């Protein structure tokens, strides 16, 4: 099966295209590579962004993770130079921000991994991004559209990944979500061991 990448709503693409010609948007720090292009800037690889609610780590919570917007990779001459994110608004979508840094190359690498992983499988997978605010992490979410439970989904943490997760390792969703609940217990242990003065 090939990896499915759903088409974003027209309002999401319009918001990105408008931002690419907006002086105010291009003044953002993440937009530095976009300010003096020598050719066209093209939005590509749109991915729906879902946000995992804080304090949860179950496949059921993953299934309920709301879609908050879309992220586009911005290409210049075939090279990814930035990302643009749009968020849901009352009427369609509105531009949020441009981003640069290690997540760009990591997203491209994870998409390549995803194609390689899903090609030999029978079940179709849909590529999404999962934001995990409590861990300051983002993962490429391969949602199995035929699976009975979201535990059959795969998650590929993007680099840099937080402690306890390996970037670019494809985790079964249930395994990675279980890891999300561990740091809290670890973080509280040293406090109990500190002697009182």
Protein backbone atom coordinates (compact mmCIF):
# COMPACT_ATOMS: atom_id res chain seq x y z
CA UNK A 1 0.00 0.00 0.00
CA UNK A 2 1.12 3.55 -0.54
CA UNK A 3 1.04 6.15 2.19
CA UNK A 4 -1.99 8.41 1.99
CA UNK A 5 -1.59 12.15 2.42
CA UNK A 6 -4.99 13.82 2.62
CA UNK A 7 -5.66 17.05 0.78
CA UNK A 8 -5.86 20.07 3.08
CA UNK A 9 -8.90 22.32 2.99
CA UNK A 10 -8.62 25.17 0.45
CA UNK A 11 -8.66 27.71 3.29
CA UNK A 12 -5.47 26.16 4.74
CA UNK A 13 -3.57 26.46 1.47
CA UNK A 14 -4.86 30.01 0.92
CA UNK A 15 -3.59 31.03 4.37
CA UNK A 16 -0.10 29.72 3.59
CA UNK A 17 0.05 31.35 0.16
CA UNK A 18 -1.03 34.67 1.67
CA UNK A 19 1.65 34.40 4.37
CA UNK A 20 4.34 33.84 1.74
CA UNK A 21 3.57 37.29 0.32
CA UNK A 22 2.97 39.06 3.65
CA UNK A 23 5.70 41.40 4.89
CA UNK A 24 4.53 40.95 8.47
CA UNK A 25 4.61 37.14 8.30
CA UNK A 26 8.01 37.15 6.59
CA UNK A 27 9.48 39.20 9.45
CA UNK A 28 9.13 36.19 11.79
CA UNK A 29 12.41 34.57 12.83
CA UNK A 30 11.49 31.24 11.23
CA UNK A 31 10.92 32.97 7.89
CA UNK A 32 14.53 34.11 7.35
CA UNK A 33 15.15 31.61 4.47
CA UNK A 34 12.03 32.89 2.70
CA UNK A 35 12.86 36.60 2.52
CA UNK A 36 15.10 36.70 -0.56
CA UNK A 37 14.15 33.73 -2.72
CA UNK A 38 15.71 33.36 -6.16
CA UNK A 39 12.75 31.32 -7.36
CA UNK A 40 9.21 30.34 -6.40
CA UNK A 41 8.35 29.18 -2.89
CA UNK A 42 6.05 26.17 -3.03
CA UNK A 43 3.98 24.73 -0.16
CA UNK A 44 4.33 20.93 -0.22
CA UNK A 45 3.70 17.81 1.88
CA UNK A 46 0.69 19.11 3.84
CA UNK A 47 0.18 17.21 7.09
CA UNK A 48 -2.78 17.51 9.43
CA UNK A 49 -1.58 18.49 12.92
CA UNK A 50 -3.25 16.75 15.85
CA UNK A 51 -2.56 17.53 19.50
CA UNK A 52 -2.38 14.87 22.19
CA UNK A 53 -4.11 16.15 25.34
CA UNK A 54 -1.71 16.48 28.29
CA UNK A 55 -1.55 13.70 30.86
CA UNK A 56 -2.87 10.94 28.63
CA UNK A 57 -1.11 7.95 27.17
CA UNK A 58 -3.58 5.50 25.70
CA UNK A 59 -4.56 4.54 22.16
CA UNK A 60 -8.07 5.79 22.91
CA UNK A 61 -6.66 9.23 23.71
CA UNK A 62 -4.75 9.14 20.43
CA UNK A 63 -7.95 8.44 18.52
CA UNK A 64 -9.54 11.47 20.17
CA UNK A 65 -6.59 13.83 19.58
CA UNK A 66 -8.17 16.88 17.94
CA UNK A 67 -6.91 18.28 14.67
CA UNK A 68 -5.64 21.80 15.37
CA UNK A 69 -4.45 22.77 11.90
CA UNK A 70 -2.07 21.89 9.07
CA UNK A 71 1.67 22.13 8.53
CA UNK A 72 3.19 22.60 5.08
CA UNK A 73 6.83 22.19 4.15
CA UNK A 74 7.98 25.13 2.02
CA UNK A 75 10.21 24.19 -0.89
CA UNK A 76 12.60 26.43 -2.76
CA UNK A 77 14.28 24.88 -5.76
CA UNK A 78 13.45 21.37 -4.58
CA UNK A 79 14.91 21.95 -1.11
CA UNK A 80 12.81 22.26 2.05
CA UNK A 81 13.72 25.62 3.61
CA UNK A 82 10.94 26.23 6.14
CA UNK A 83 7.58 25.04 7.41
CA UNK A 84 4.35 27.00 7.62
CA UNK A 85 1.61 26.17 10.10
CA UNK A 86 -2.02 27.20 9.93
CA UNK A 87 -4.62 26.75 12.65
CA UNK A 88 -8.36 26.36 12.65
CA UNK A 89 -10.29 29.60 12.75
CA UNK A 90 -13.95 30.57 12.86
CA UNK A 91 -13.99 30.76 9.07
CA UNK A 92 -11.59 28.13 7.75
CA UNK A 93 -7.92 28.52 8.67
CA UNK A 94 -5.53 31.30 9.59
CA UNK A 95 -1.75 31.48 9.36
CA UNK A 96 0.05 30.80 12.66
CA UNK A 97 3.82 30.84 12.10
CA UNK A 98 6.82 29.86 10.02
CA UNK A 99 9.37 27.46 11.47
CA UNK A 100 12.93 26.46 10.66
CA UNK A 101 15.48 24.24 12.37
CA UNK A 102 16.05 20.52 12.82
CA UNK A 103 12.39 19.51 12.57
CA UNK A 104 12.46 20.26 8.84
CA UNK A 105 15.05 17.66 7.89
CA UNK A 106 13.63 15.29 10.47
CA UNK A 107 10.14 15.56 8.95
CA UNK A 108 11.49 14.82 5.48
CA UNK A 109 13.44 11.85 6.85
CA UNK A 110 10.40 10.53 8.71
CA UNK A 111 8.22 10.81 5.59
CA UNK A 112 10.81 8.78 3.67
CA UNK A 113 10.79 6.19 6.44
CA UNK A 114 7.01 6.12 6.37
CA UNK A 115 6.91 5.36 2.65
CA UNK A 116 9.39 2.53 3.13
CA UNK A 117 7.52 1.12 6.14
CA UNK A 118 4.04 1.19 4.64
CA UNK A 119 4.84 0.12 1.08
CA UNK A 120 4.99 -3.64 1.83
CA UNK A 121 1.99 -3.58 4.19
CA UNK A 122 -1.53 -4.42 3.12
CA UNK A 123 -3.28 -1.86 5.31
CA UNK A 124 -3.40 1.76 4.11
CA UNK A 125 -1.86 4.38 6.39
CA UNK A 126 -2.53 8.10 6.54
CA UNK A 127 0.33 10.47 7.41
CA UNK A 128 -0.36 13.03 10.13
CA UNK A 129 1.66 15.04 12.66
CA UNK A 130 1.11 14.53 16.36
CA UNK A 131 2.07 17.37 18.69
CA UNK A 132 2.83 16.21 22.24
CA UNK A 133 3.07 19.48 24.19
CA UNK A 134 3.69 17.89 27.58
CA UNK A 135 6.88 16.31 26.23
CA UNK A 136 7.92 19.12 23.87
CA UNK A 137 7.82 16.51 21.13
CA UNK A 138 6.36 15.96 17.68
CA UNK A 139 5.89 12.64 15.92
CA UNK A 140 4.89 11.57 12.46
CA UNK A 141 1.68 9.64 13.04
CA UNK A 142 0.92 6.80 10.64
CA UNK A 143 -2.78 6.21 11.14
CA UNK A 144 -4.02 2.84 9.95
CA UNK A 145 -7.31 3.65 8.26
CA UNK A 146 -8.34 -0.03 8.22
CA UNK A 147 -7.35 -0.91 11.79
CA UNK A 148 -9.96 -1.71 14.40
CA UNK A 149 -8.06 0.15 17.12
CA UNK A 150 -5.64 3.10 17.13
CA UNK A 151 -3.16 0.82 18.92
CA UNK A 152 -2.30 -0.48 15.44
CA UNK A 153 -1.03 2.96 14.41
CA UNK A 154 2.67 3.79 14.24
CA UNK A 155 4.45 6.85 15.66
CA UNK A 156 7.87 8.09 14.52
CA UNK A 157 9.29 10.73 16.92
CA UNK A 158 11.02 13.59 15.13
CA UNK A 159 14.48 14.74 16.13
CA UNK A 160 15.29 16.08 18.61
CA UNK A 161 13.25 13.61 20.64
CA UNK A 162 12.85 13.86 24.43
CA UNK A 163 14.67 11.50 26.79
CA UNK A 164 13.22 8.01 26.71
CA UNK A 165 12.24 8.18 23.04
CA UNK A 166 14.43 7.37 20.05
CA UNK A 167 14.04 9.73 17.12
CA UNK A 168 13.17 8.03 13.83
CA UNK A 169 12.27 4.74 15.44
CA UNK A 170 8.82 3.53 14.36
CA UNK A 171 6.97 2.71 17.57
CA UNK A 172 3.63 0.93 17.80
CA UNK A 173 1.34 3.67 19.11
CA UNK A 174 0.51 1.82 22.33
CA UNK A 175 4.23 1.45 23.15
CA UNK A 176 5.13 5.10 22.65
CA UNK A 177 2.03 6.34 24.44
CA UNK A 178 2.95 4.17 27.44
CA UNK A 179 6.37 5.86 27.51
CA UNK A 180 4.66 9.24 27.85
CA UNK A 181 3.39 8.38 31.32
CA UNK A 182 6.78 7.35 32.73
CA UNK A 183 8.72 10.65 33.07
CA UNK A 184 6.38 12.01 35.74
CA UNK A 185 7.10 9.14 38.12
CA UNK A 186 10.83 9.44 37.44
CA UNK A 187 10.79 13.22 37.93
CA UNK A 188 9.18 13.02 41.37
CA UNK A 189 11.53 10.33 42.75
CA UNK A 190 14.57 12.60 43.39
CA UNK A 191 12.42 15.11 45.29
CA UNK A 192 11.45 12.47 47.84
CA UNK A 193 15.11 11.51 48.32
CA UNK A 194 16.30 15.06 49.10
CA UNK A 195 17.06 15.30 52.84
CA UNK A 196 15.31 18.00 54.83
CA UNK A 197 17.54 20.69 56.35
